[in-house]
Amino acid sequence: MAKTRPYRYYDACTSLCPTCLRKVEGKILFQDGAVWMHKRCPAHGSVKVLLADDEAYYRLAREVYIKPPEMPARYNTKVDLGCPYDCGVCGDHEQHGCLCIVEVTDVCNLSCPICYADSSPQRQTSRDLATIERMLDAVVANELEPDVVQISGGEPTLHPDFFAILDAARARPIKHLMVNTNGVRLSRDRAFAERLASYRPGFELYLQFDSFERDALMTLRGADLRRVREQAVAVCNELDISVTLVCTVAKGVNDHEIGAIVDWAATQPAVRGVTLQPVQLAGRAEGYDVATQRLTLTEVRRRLLEQSRAFAPDDVMPVPCHPDAIAMAYALKTENGLLPLTAMLPREVLIDGARNTISYEREPAVRDALFGMLSTAHGPESSAESLRQLLCCLPQVEAPDAFGYRDLFRVIIMAFADAWDMDLRSVKKSCVLIAQPDGRLIPFETFNLLYRDNLEKDVLAPLQAEVRQRWQDVR
């Protein structure tokens, strides 16, 4: 009888050694319904990494939710040594920036143990306004009309020119402006919050909201922020400031709260959705244990489906711009809870009928499909849509007479690759880019591993030198 292996071989891949960050060969395997990456570094041996605990979903993202790449208006670096040594974005990258991040400061009022940026009160460096404006200009030059720009840090609300930065962003053709914040200043400074509200519409806060439990917050953030976060959401509700709650998820720490956070968020008037983000093992988070605390996208998806009755499996699907790394679910807020919408959207609308973006509710094709299936009375731009025809067979749901952006609710799972699970095939589709003062826009995944702070000089430069020397030896 012929010998067989205990798995099915699916594909070859190029990854990184999690110890030395050199490029290594690997293979992707299916075993017992899960997806694994096996890779080997000549210096540090073999590693087996879980990519997904759901083979069917992984294959759906790889084989179905694919579409022609949508490119930036310009490239920032040339193709020379190959991915990930040429970021970015180089001409070999396969996706424009759906979300562009502008980091304005390293200063923070917290020292989160999971911080990929290594921000803290001890770091006192901020970029001046002129530099930040150059970064915004670089984003616009690449994207022309950027879908989403996120002002981030550190804690960006501590920047001395914070509102001047928002004004500079507003002066540019940015469709949707977000501010990434831990909510501390928002919860304590009423005048600050009221001034933030003046930037509506097209403005949103990306608010850390990891747990309802003290121990989890101490593990993730180093502080008991329960009251701070609840006060911040209450202020947003009162002032009608749109907010997305972003929950950084670690196995055995707060992954049992995913459903509770989503269900609670859906009851808050100002909350437009929740982003679930597994810990990326970079920055200070490199000390986390891979075996016990690391989570994949499909594990987070499974916990969401198990813990919240709001969504079924067909409601939480890959986002075609980067299907390996991003999943989404859309729902309508009603008096009786969330009414899922994603499964009602024709798949071809997402794959063939819309631009590559993570802001699908703003895409005309998707928006028209959503509003169309909900029976439009006045057209999408009027934000007055009748739900009667769709819900006529669901008498338990009380349909509002009209709905708009505040009635839509989205859950996004965004899993950033790290040195353990990095597949360069997937990284080439990365659509979350970090702007640099020199005009580069670097994918989030590679930036935190190879380009942030001193990493480009201390870690990346020696790797680049090795590659150059190898090519010279071949010649």
Protein backbone atom coordinates (compact mmCIF):
# COMPACT_ATOMS: atom_id res chain seq x y z
CA MET A 1 0.00 0.00 0.00
CA ALA A 2 1.30 3.42 -0.95
CA LYS A 3 2.33 5.68 1.90
CA THR A 4 0.30 8.85 2.34
CA ARG A 5 0.91 11.97 4.35
CA PRO A 6 -1.61 13.04 7.03
CA TYR A 7 -2.45 16.24 5.14
CA ARG A 8 -3.30 17.56 1.69
CA TYR A 9 -0.80 19.80 -0.07
CA TYR A 10 -2.41 23.02 -1.32
CA ASP A 11 0.25 25.52 -2.38
CA ALA A 12 3.82 26.74 -2.06
CA CYS A 13 4.53 30.06 -0.37
CA THR A 14 7.29 32.50 0.47
CA SER A 15 7.35 33.67 4.06
CA LEU A 16 9.77 35.00 6.68
CA CYS A 17 11.67 33.24 9.41
CA PRO A 18 10.11 34.58 12.64
CA THR A 19 13.57 34.63 14.25
CA CYS A 20 15.85 36.27 11.67
CA LEU A 21 13.21 37.69 9.24
CA ARG A 22 14.99 36.24 6.22
CA LYS A 23 12.80 35.05 3.37
CA VAL A 24 12.14 31.32 3.51
CA GLU A 25 10.20 28.82 1.45
CA GLY A 26 7.13 27.14 2.81
CA LYS A 27 4.04 25.18 1.88
CA ILE A 28 0.37 25.48 2.76
CA LEU A 29 -1.36 22.32 3.90
CA PHE A 30 -4.90 21.22 4.78
CA GLN A 31 -5.30 18.90 7.74
CA ASP A 32 -8.42 18.05 9.78
CA GLY A 33 -10.33 21.05 8.46
CA ALA A 34 -7.56 23.52 9.33
CA VAL A 35 -4.94 25.32 7.22
CA TRP A 36 -1.27 25.26 8.19
CA MET A 37 1.92 26.85 6.94
CA HIS A 38 5.06 24.73 7.19
CA LYS A 39 8.30 26.66 6.59
CA ARG A 40 11.95 26.12 7.26
CA CYS A 41 14.86 28.47 7.87
CA PRO A 42 18.31 26.93 7.27
CA ALA A 43 19.58 28.70 10.40
CA HIS A 44 16.61 28.36 12.77
CA GLY A 45 14.79 25.23 11.70
CA SER A 46 11.19 24.41 10.87
CA VAL A 47 8.03 26.16 12.03
CA LYS A 48 4.40 25.06 11.77
CA VAL A 49 1.89 27.92 11.95
CA LEU A 50 -1.91 27.85 11.95
CA LEU A 51 -3.30 30.06 9.16
CA ALA A 52 -6.99 29.25 9.57
CA ASP A 53 -9.15 26.87 11.55
CA ASP A 54 -11.71 26.80 8.71
CA GLU A 55 -10.48 25.30 5.46
CA ALA A 56 -13.71 26.10 3.58
CA TYR A 57 -13.56 29.81 4.46
CA TYR A 58 -9.84 29.99 3.62
CA ARG A 59 -10.49 28.49 0.19
CA LEU A 60 -13.42 30.86 -0.35
CA ALA A 61 -11.13 33.83 0.23
CA ARG A 62 -8.36 32.40 -1.95
CA GLU A 63 -10.43 31.06 -4.84
CA VAL A 64 -13.71 33.01 -5.06
CA TYR A 65 -13.30 36.51 -3.62
CA ILE A 66 -10.71 37.63 -6.13
CA LYS A 67 -10.91 40.50 -8.57
CA PRO A 68 -8.56 42.56 -10.75
CA PRO A 69 -6.18 44.64 -8.65
CA GLU A 70 -6.93 48.34 -8.36
CA MET A 71 -3.71 50.30 -8.43
CA PRO A 72 -2.61 53.63 -6.94
CA ALA A 73 -2.12 56.67 -9.16
CA ARG A 74 1.64 56.39 -8.64
CA TYR A 75 4.26 54.12 -7.11
CA ASN A 76 6.71 55.35 -4.50
CA THR A 77 9.62 52.91 -4.79
CA LYS A 78 11.10 50.78 -7.55
CA VAL A 79 11.16 47.00 -7.70
CA ASP A 80 14.71 46.01 -6.81
CA LEU A 81 15.31 43.31 -4.17
CA GLY A 82 11.80 41.88 -4.09
CA CYS A 83 9.01 41.82 -1.51
CA PRO A 84 9.18 42.76 1.36
CA TYR A 85 12.45 44.65 0.90
CA ASP A 86 11.19 47.34 -1.55
CA CYS A 87 8.29 48.94 0.36
CA GLY A 88 6.55 51.00 -0.62
CA VAL A 89 4.44 50.93 -2.45
CA CYS A 90 6.52 49.45 -5.22
CA GLY A 91 5.35 48.60 -8.71
CA ASP A 92 4.98 44.95 -7.73
CA HIS A 93 2.29 45.70 -5.15
CA GLU A 94 -1.20 44.56 -6.16
CA GLN A 95 -3.54 46.95 -4.36
CA HIS A 96 -4.04 50.64 -3.70
CA GLY A 97 -4.55 51.96 -0.17
CA CYS A 98 -8.14 51.45 0.98
CA LEU A 99 -7.08 52.85 4.36
CA CYS A 100 -4.10 55.19 4.65
CA ILE A 101 -2.70 55.91 8.11
CA VAL A 102 -0.88 59.12 9.02
CA GLU A 103 0.96 58.77 12.33
CA VAL A 104 1.44 62.22 13.83
CA THR A 105 3.08 61.48 17.19
CA ASP A 106 4.83 58.82 19.27
CA VAL A 107 3.51 60.36 22.47
CA CYS A 108 0.83 58.40 24.31
CA ASN A 109 -0.80 58.58 27.73
CA LEU A 110 -0.78 54.77 27.94
CA SER A 111 1.92 52.10 27.67
CA CYS A 112 -0.12 49.25 26.18
CA PRO A 113 1.68 45.87 26.40
CA ILE A 114 0.38 45.03 22.90
CA CYS A 115 1.39 48.28 21.20
CA TYR A 116 2.86 47.58 17.75
CA ALA A 117 4.16 51.19 17.63
CA ASP A 118 5.91 51.03 21.02
CA SER A 119 4.30 54.36 21.98
CA SER A 120 4.31 55.56 25.60
CA PRO A 121 4.51 58.66 27.82
CA GLN A 122 8.29 58.25 27.72
CA ARG A 123 8.40 58.90 23.97
CA GLN A 124 8.09 62.63 23.36
CA THR A 125 8.56 62.93 19.60
CA SER A 126 5.86 64.38 17.34
CA ARG A 127 5.92 65.37 13.69
CA ASP A 128 5.49 69.03 12.92
CA LEU A 129 2.52 70.28 10.93
CA ALA A 130 4.53 70.87 7.75
CA THR A 131 5.75 67.25 7.79
CA ILE A 132 2.25 65.95 8.42
CA GLU A 133 0.93 67.99 5.50
CA ARG A 134 3.60 66.41 3.26
CA MET A 135 2.39 63.00 4.41
CA LEU A 136 -1.20 63.91 3.61
CA ASP A 137 -0.08 65.16 0.20
CA ALA A 138 1.69 61.85 -0.41
CA VAL A 139 -1.55 60.00 0.35
CA VAL A 140 -3.49 62.22 -2.04
CA ALA A 141 -0.84 61.85 -4.75
CA ASN A 142 -1.17 58.07 -4.53
CA GLU A 143 -4.93 57.84 -4.10
CA LEU A 144 -6.19 61.11 -5.70
CA GLU A 145 -9.37 60.95 -3.59
CA PRO A 146 -8.46 58.69 -0.65
CA ASP A 147 -11.29 56.49 0.60
CA VAL A 148 -10.30 56.60 4.28
CA VAL A 149 -7.46 58.47 6.00
CA GLN A 150 -6.84 57.71 9.65
CA ILE A 151 -4.95 60.15 11.87
CA SER A 152 -3.06 57.99 14.33
CA GLY A 153 -0.14 57.87 16.73
CA GLY A 154 0.74 57.30 19.57
CA GLU A 155 -2.30 59.12 20.83
CA PRO A 156 -3.00 61.75 18.14
CA THR A 157 -5.30 63.85 20.35
CA LEU A 158 -2.21 64.83 22.38
CA HIS A 159 -0.51 66.50 19.40
CA PRO A 160 -0.25 70.28 20.08
CA ASP A 161 -1.53 71.01 16.56
CA PHE A 162 -4.24 68.35 16.58
CA PHE A 163 -7.08 70.47 15.20
CA ALA A 164 -4.77 72.09 12.65
CA ILE A 165 -4.01 68.56 11.45
CA LEU A 166 -7.73 67.85 11.06
CA ASP A 167 -8.14 71.13 9.19
CA ALA A 168 -5.28 70.18 6.87
CA ALA A 169 -6.92 66.83 6.17
CA ARG A 170 -10.27 68.53 5.58
CA ALA A 171 -8.62 70.83 3.02
CA ARG A 172 -7.75 67.80 0.89
CA PRO A 173 -10.07 65.57 -1.17
CA ILE A 174 -10.38 62.84 1.49
CA LYS A 175 -13.73 61.04 1.45
CA HIS A 176 -13.76 59.85 5.05
CA LEU A 177 -11.56 61.09 7.91
CA MET A 178 -10.93 58.99 11.02
CA VAL A 179 -9.04 59.57 14.26
CA ASN A 180 -7.55 56.60 16.10
CA THR A 181 -7.88 57.25 19.84
CA ASN A 182 -7.81 55.53 23.22
CA GLY A 183 -10.62 57.83 24.36
CA VAL A 184 -8.92 59.25 27.45
CA ARG A 185 -9.06 62.90 26.38
CA LEU A 186 -12.45 62.45 24.74
CA SER A 187 -13.95 61.19 27.99
CA ARG A 188 -12.53 64.00 30.14
CA ASP A 189 -12.48 67.15 28.01
CA ARG A 190 -15.97 68.36 27.07
CA ALA A 191 -14.79 71.33 25.01
CA PHE A 192 -12.49 69.03 23.05
CA ALA A 193 -15.34 66.64 22.32
CA GLU A 194 -17.65 69.43 21.19
CA ARG A 195 -15.03 70.75 18.80
CA LEU A 196 -14.53 67.23 17.40
CA ALA A 197 -18.24 67.11 16.63
CA SER A 198 -17.84 70.13 14.35
CA TYR A 199 -15.96 67.97 11.82
CA ARG A 200 -19.09 65.98 10.93
CA PRO A 201 -20.13 64.59 8.49
CA GLY A 202 -17.55 62.30 6.90
CA PHE A 203 -15.73 62.09 10.22
CA GLU A 204 -15.39 59.14 12.58
CA LEU A 205 -13.51 58.08 15.68
CA TYR A 206 -11.71 54.74 15.79
CA LEU A 207 -12.00 54.09 19.52
CA GLN A 208 -10.14 51.37 21.41
CA PHE A 209 -12.70 49.17 23.14
CA ASP A 210 -11.19 45.83 24.07
CA SER A 211 -13.10 44.50 27.04
CA PHE A 212 -15.70 44.96 29.76
CA GLU A 213 -13.36 43.24 32.24
CA ARG A 214 -10.61 44.76 34.36
CA ASP A 215 -8.14 41.88 34.09
CA ALA A 216 -8.30 41.81 30.30
CA LEU A 217 -7.73 45.56 30.08
CA MET A 218 -4.77 45.35 32.44
CA THR A 219 -3.26 42.64 30.23
CA LEU A 220 -3.90 44.45 26.94
CA ARG A 221 -3.61 48.12 27.92
CA GLY A 222 -1.88 48.18 31.30
CA ALA A 223 -4.76 50.16 32.83
CA ASP A 224 -8.37 49.67 33.91
CA LEU A 225 -10.10 51.73 31.21
CA ARG A 226 -13.66 50.47 31.64
CA ARG A 227 -15.06 53.77 32.83
CA VAL A 228 -13.03 55.79 30.33
CA ARG A 229 -14.31 53.79 27.35
CA GLU A 230 -17.94 53.86 28.46
CA GLN A 231 -17.76 57.62 29.05
CA ALA A 232 -16.19 58.14 25.63
CA VAL A 233 -19.03 56.24 23.93
CA ALA A 234 -21.59 58.17 25.98
CA VAL A 235 -20.08 61.47 24.79
CA CYS A 236 -20.23 60.28 21.18
CA ASN A 237 -23.87 59.27 21.63
CA GLU A 238 -24.73 62.67 23.07
CA LEU A 239 -22.87 64.68 20.41
CA ASP A 240 -23.68 62.31 17.52
CA ILE A 241 -20.02 61.67 16.69
CA SER A 242 -19.76 58.53 14.58
CA VAL A 243 -17.50 55.96 16.21
CA THR A 244 -16.13 52.53 15.35
CA LEU A 245 -15.10 50.43 18.33
CA VAL A 246 -11.83 48.61 17.69
CA CYS A 247 -11.24 45.53 19.79
CA THR A 248 -7.75 44.06 19.83
CA VAL A 249 -8.30 40.36 20.50
CA ALA A 250 -5.92 37.96 22.25
CA LYS A 251 -6.63 34.29 22.87
CA GLY A 252 -7.50 33.52 26.46
CA VAL A 253 -7.65 37.22 27.34
CA ASN A 254 -10.77 38.74 25.78
CA ASP A 255 -11.79 36.44 22.92
CA HIS A 256 -14.74 35.24 25.02
CA GLU A 257 -16.19 38.79 24.91
CA ILE A 258 -16.43 39.26 21.13
CA GLY A 259 -20.16 38.62 20.96
CA ALA A 260 -20.92 40.75 24.02
CA ILE A 261 -18.97 43.71 22.63
CA VAL A 262 -20.70 43.48 19.22
CA ASP A 263 -24.15 43.10 20.76
CA TRP A 264 -23.60 46.04 23.13
CA ALA A 265 -22.16 48.23 20.39
CA ALA A 266 -25.27 47.66 18.27
CA THR A 267 -27.37 49.31 21.00
CA GLN A 268 -25.30 52.51 21.02
CA PRO A 269 -26.70 55.23 18.70
CA ALA A 270 -23.32 56.67 17.65
CA VAL A 271 -21.53 53.36 17.09
CA ARG A 272 -21.34 52.49 13.41
CA GLY A 273 -19.61 49.18 13.93
CA VAL A 274 -16.89 47.10 15.55
CA THR A 275 -13.48 46.17 14.17
CA LEU A 276 -12.03 42.97 15.62
CA GLN A 277 -8.25 42.95 15.28
CA PRO A 278 -6.18 39.94 16.42
CA VAL A 279 -2.93 40.95 18.08
CA GLN A 280 -0.15 41.45 15.55
CA LEU A 281 3.08 40.07 16.99
CA ALA A 282 5.17 43.19 16.44
CA GLY A 283 6.48 46.02 18.60
CA ARG A 284 5.94 45.33 22.31
CA ALA A 285 3.54 42.51 21.41
CA GLU A 286 6.46 40.35 20.27
CA GLY A 287 6.58 39.05 23.83
CA TYR A 288 3.20 37.33 23.42
CA ASP A 289 3.19 33.55 23.20
CA VAL A 290 2.35 32.31 19.71
CA ALA A 291 0.89 29.00 20.84
CA THR A 292 -1.43 30.34 23.54
CA GLN A 293 -2.36 33.91 22.61
CA ARG A 294 -2.23 34.20 18.82
CA LEU A 295 -5.53 34.21 16.89
CA THR A 296 -6.29 33.86 13.19
CA LEU A 297 -9.05 35.63 11.29
CA THR A 298 -11.16 32.48 11.07
CA GLU A 299 -10.85 31.84 14.81
CA VAL A 300 -12.15 35.35 15.52
CA ARG A 301 -14.93 34.81 12.97
CA ARG A 302 -15.89 31.53 14.61
CA ARG A 303 -16.07 33.14 18.04
CA LEU A 304 -18.23 35.96 16.68
CA LEU A 305 -20.66 33.45 15.19
CA GLU A 306 -20.70 31.37 18.36
CA GLN A 307 -21.13 34.25 20.78
CA SER A 308 -23.56 36.54 18.97
CA ARG A 309 -26.87 35.49 17.48
CA ALA A 310 -26.83 38.51 15.18
CA PHE A 311 -24.91 36.83 12.36
CA ALA A 312 -24.86 33.54 10.48
CA PRO A 313 -21.82 32.23 8.56
CA ASP A 314 -22.96 33.66 5.21
CA ASP A 315 -23.19 37.11 6.83
CA VAL A 316 -19.44 37.34 7.57
CA MET A 317 -17.58 37.16 4.27
CA PRO A 318 -14.16 38.08 2.79
CA VAL A 319 -13.53 41.62 1.57
CA PRO A 320 -12.28 41.30 -2.04
CA CYS A 321 -9.60 44.01 -1.79
CA HIS A 322 -7.66 41.78 0.66
CA PRO A 323 -9.73 38.64 1.29
CA ASP A 324 -7.01 36.81 3.23
CA ALA A 325 -6.87 39.51 5.87
CA ILE A 326 -10.27 41.20 6.06
CA ALA A 327 -13.79 39.88 6.60
CA MET A 328 -16.92 41.96 6.96
CA ALA A 329 -20.57 41.80 7.92
CA TYR A 330 -23.21 44.47 7.37
CA ALA A 331 -26.43 44.76 9.28
CA LEU A 332 -29.29 47.17 9.75
CA LYS A 333 -30.08 48.48 13.21
CA THR A 334 -33.72 47.90 14.09
CA GLU A 335 -35.74 48.14 17.29
CA ASN A 336 -35.50 44.37 17.63
CA GLY A 337 -31.75 44.16 17.06
CA LEU A 338 -29.51 43.71 14.05
CA LEU A 339 -30.86 42.57 10.70
CA PRO A 340 -27.92 41.06 8.72
CA LEU A 341 -27.55 42.34 5.16
CA THR A 342 -24.28 40.92 3.78
CA ALA A 343 -25.74 37.56 2.77
CA MET A 344 -28.44 39.36 0.77
CA LEU A 345 -25.90 41.15 -1.40
CA PRO A 346 -25.23 39.37 -4.70
CA ARG A 347 -21.63 38.14 -4.62
CA GLU A 348 -20.95 39.64 -8.03
CA VAL A 349 -21.70 43.12 -6.65
CA LEU A 350 -18.77 42.84 -4.26
CA ILE A 351 -16.43 41.09 -6.67
CA ASP A 352 -17.28 42.70 -10.01
CA GLY A 353 -19.42 45.75 -9.32
CA ALA A 354 -17.45 47.81 -6.81
CA ARG A 355 -14.03 49.35 -6.38
CA ASN A 356 -11.50 47.72 -4.10
CA THR A 357 -12.20 49.36 -0.76
CA ILE A 358 -12.97 48.51 2.84
CA SER A 359 -15.67 51.23 2.93
CA TYR A 360 -18.17 49.24 0.94
CA GLU A 361 -21.20 51.08 2.29
CA ARG A 362 -19.92 54.16 0.42
CA GLU A 363 -19.42 52.37 -2.89
CA PRO A 364 -22.21 53.25 -5.34
CA ALA A 365 -22.70 49.68 -6.54
CA VAL A 366 -22.87 48.25 -3.03
CA ARG A 367 -24.88 51.14 -1.68
CA ASP A 368 -27.34 50.87 -4.54
CA ALA A 369 -27.65 47.13 -3.96
CA LEU A 370 -28.25 47.63 -0.25
CA PHE A 371 -30.75 50.39 -0.78
CA GLY A 372 -32.26 48.69 -3.80
CA MET A 373 -33.04 45.48 -1.98
CA LEU A 374 -34.48 47.59 0.82
CA SER A 375 -36.83 49.24 -1.70
CA THR A 376 -35.69 52.77 -2.38
CA ALA A 377 -38.15 55.58 -2.03
CA HIS A 378 -35.94 58.58 -2.66
CA GLY A 379 -32.53 57.33 -3.81
CA PRO A 380 -29.36 56.61 -1.84
CA GLU A 381 -28.20 60.18 -1.45
CA SER A 382 -31.35 61.22 0.35
CA SER A 383 -30.81 58.67 3.16
CA ALA A 384 -34.55 57.98 3.20
CA GLU A 385 -35.16 54.34 2.30
CA SER A 386 -38.29 52.29 2.91
CA LEU A 387 -37.80 48.78 4.29
CA ARG A 388 -41.38 47.61 3.93
CA GLN A 389 -41.01 45.33 0.94
CA LEU A 390 -37.96 43.51 2.29
CA LEU A 391 -39.44 43.05 5.74
CA CYS A 392 -42.99 42.23 4.76
CA CYS A 393 -42.26 38.57 5.44
CA LEU A 394 -40.55 39.34 8.76
CA PRO A 395 -43.38 40.70 10.93
CA GLN A 396 -41.24 40.44 14.06
CA VAL A 397 -39.01 43.22 12.73
CA GLU A 398 -40.24 46.75 13.10
CA ALA A 399 -38.97 48.58 10.02
CA PRO A 400 -38.03 52.24 10.32
CA ASP A 401 -39.60 54.61 7.83
CA ALA A 402 -36.21 55.85 6.71
CA PHE A 403 -32.61 54.96 7.26
CA GLY A 404 -29.15 56.30 6.51
CA TYR A 405 -25.54 55.81 7.53
CA ARG A 406 -26.36 55.86 11.26
CA ASP A 407 -28.68 52.86 10.79
CA LEU A 408 -26.06 50.66 9.13
CA PHE A 409 -23.81 48.59 11.39
CA ARG A 410 -20.64 46.83 10.24
CA VAL A 411 -18.37 44.26 11.82
CA ILE A 412 -14.90 43.99 10.31
CA ILE A 413 -12.29 41.41 11.20
CA MET A 414 -8.87 42.72 10.23
CA ALA A 415 -5.94 40.36 10.74
CA PHE A 416 -2.49 41.83 10.07
CA ALA A 417 0.18 39.29 9.15
CA ASP A 418 3.32 39.07 11.23
CA ALA A 419 6.56 37.15 10.85
CA TRP A 420 4.85 33.93 11.87
CA ASP A 421 2.12 33.74 9.25
CA MET A 422 3.36 36.14 6.58
CA ASP A 423 2.64 34.92 3.06
CA LEU A 424 4.15 37.37 0.57
CA ARG A 425 1.47 36.43 -1.95
CA SER A 426 -1.05 37.93 0.47
CA VAL A 427 1.09 40.88 1.56
CA LYS A 428 1.15 42.10 -2.04
CA LYS A 429 -2.60 42.69 -1.62
CA SER A 430 -2.26 44.68 1.59
CA CYS A 431 -4.58 47.70 1.44
CA VAL A 432 -3.75 49.35 4.79
CA LEU A 433 -0.78 51.65 4.19
CA ILE A 434 1.21 53.90 6.53
CA ALA A 435 2.37 57.22 5.09
CA GLN A 436 5.97 58.33 5.61
CA PRO A 437 7.50 61.83 5.57
CA ASP A 438 9.64 60.85 2.55
CA GLY A 439 6.55 60.14 0.44
CA ARG A 440 6.45 56.36 0.78
CA LEU A 441 3.28 54.48 1.69
CA ILE A 442 4.29 51.21 3.33
CA PRO A 443 1.98 48.22 3.98
CA PHE A 444 1.03 47.97 7.65
CA GLU A 445 2.31 44.38 7.97
CA THR A 446 5.81 44.98 6.66
CA PHE A 447 6.11 48.42 8.26
CA ASN A 448 5.79 47.08 11.80
CA LEU A 449 8.28 44.27 11.17
CA LEU A 450 10.94 45.94 9.05
CA TYR A 451 10.47 49.69 8.63
CA ARG A 452 9.26 51.29 11.86
CA ASP A 453 11.64 53.51 13.84
CA ASN A 454 15.14 51.98 13.85
CA LEU A 455 14.08 48.68 12.26
CA GLU A 456 14.81 49.92 8.76
CA LYS A 457 18.43 50.62 9.68
CA ASP A 458 19.07 47.86 12.21
CA VAL A 459 17.06 44.96 10.78
CA LEU A 460 16.10 45.64 7.18
CA ALA A 461 19.36 47.16 5.91
CA PRO A 462 21.47 44.08 6.78
CA LEU A 463 18.91 41.83 5.06
CA GLN A 464 18.97 44.02 1.97
CA ALA A 465 22.78 43.93 1.99
CA GLU A 466 22.69 40.13 2.11
CA VAL A 467 20.42 39.98 -0.92
CA ARG A 468 22.57 42.42 -2.87
CA GLN A 469 25.71 40.46 -2.04
CA ARG A 470 24.08 37.21 -3.10
CA TRP A 471 23.15 38.69 -6.46
CA GLN A 472 26.66 40.05 -6.92
CA ASP A 473 28.09 36.62 -6.18
CA VAL A 474 25.81 35.07 -8.80
CA ARG A 475 26.89 37.64 -11.39
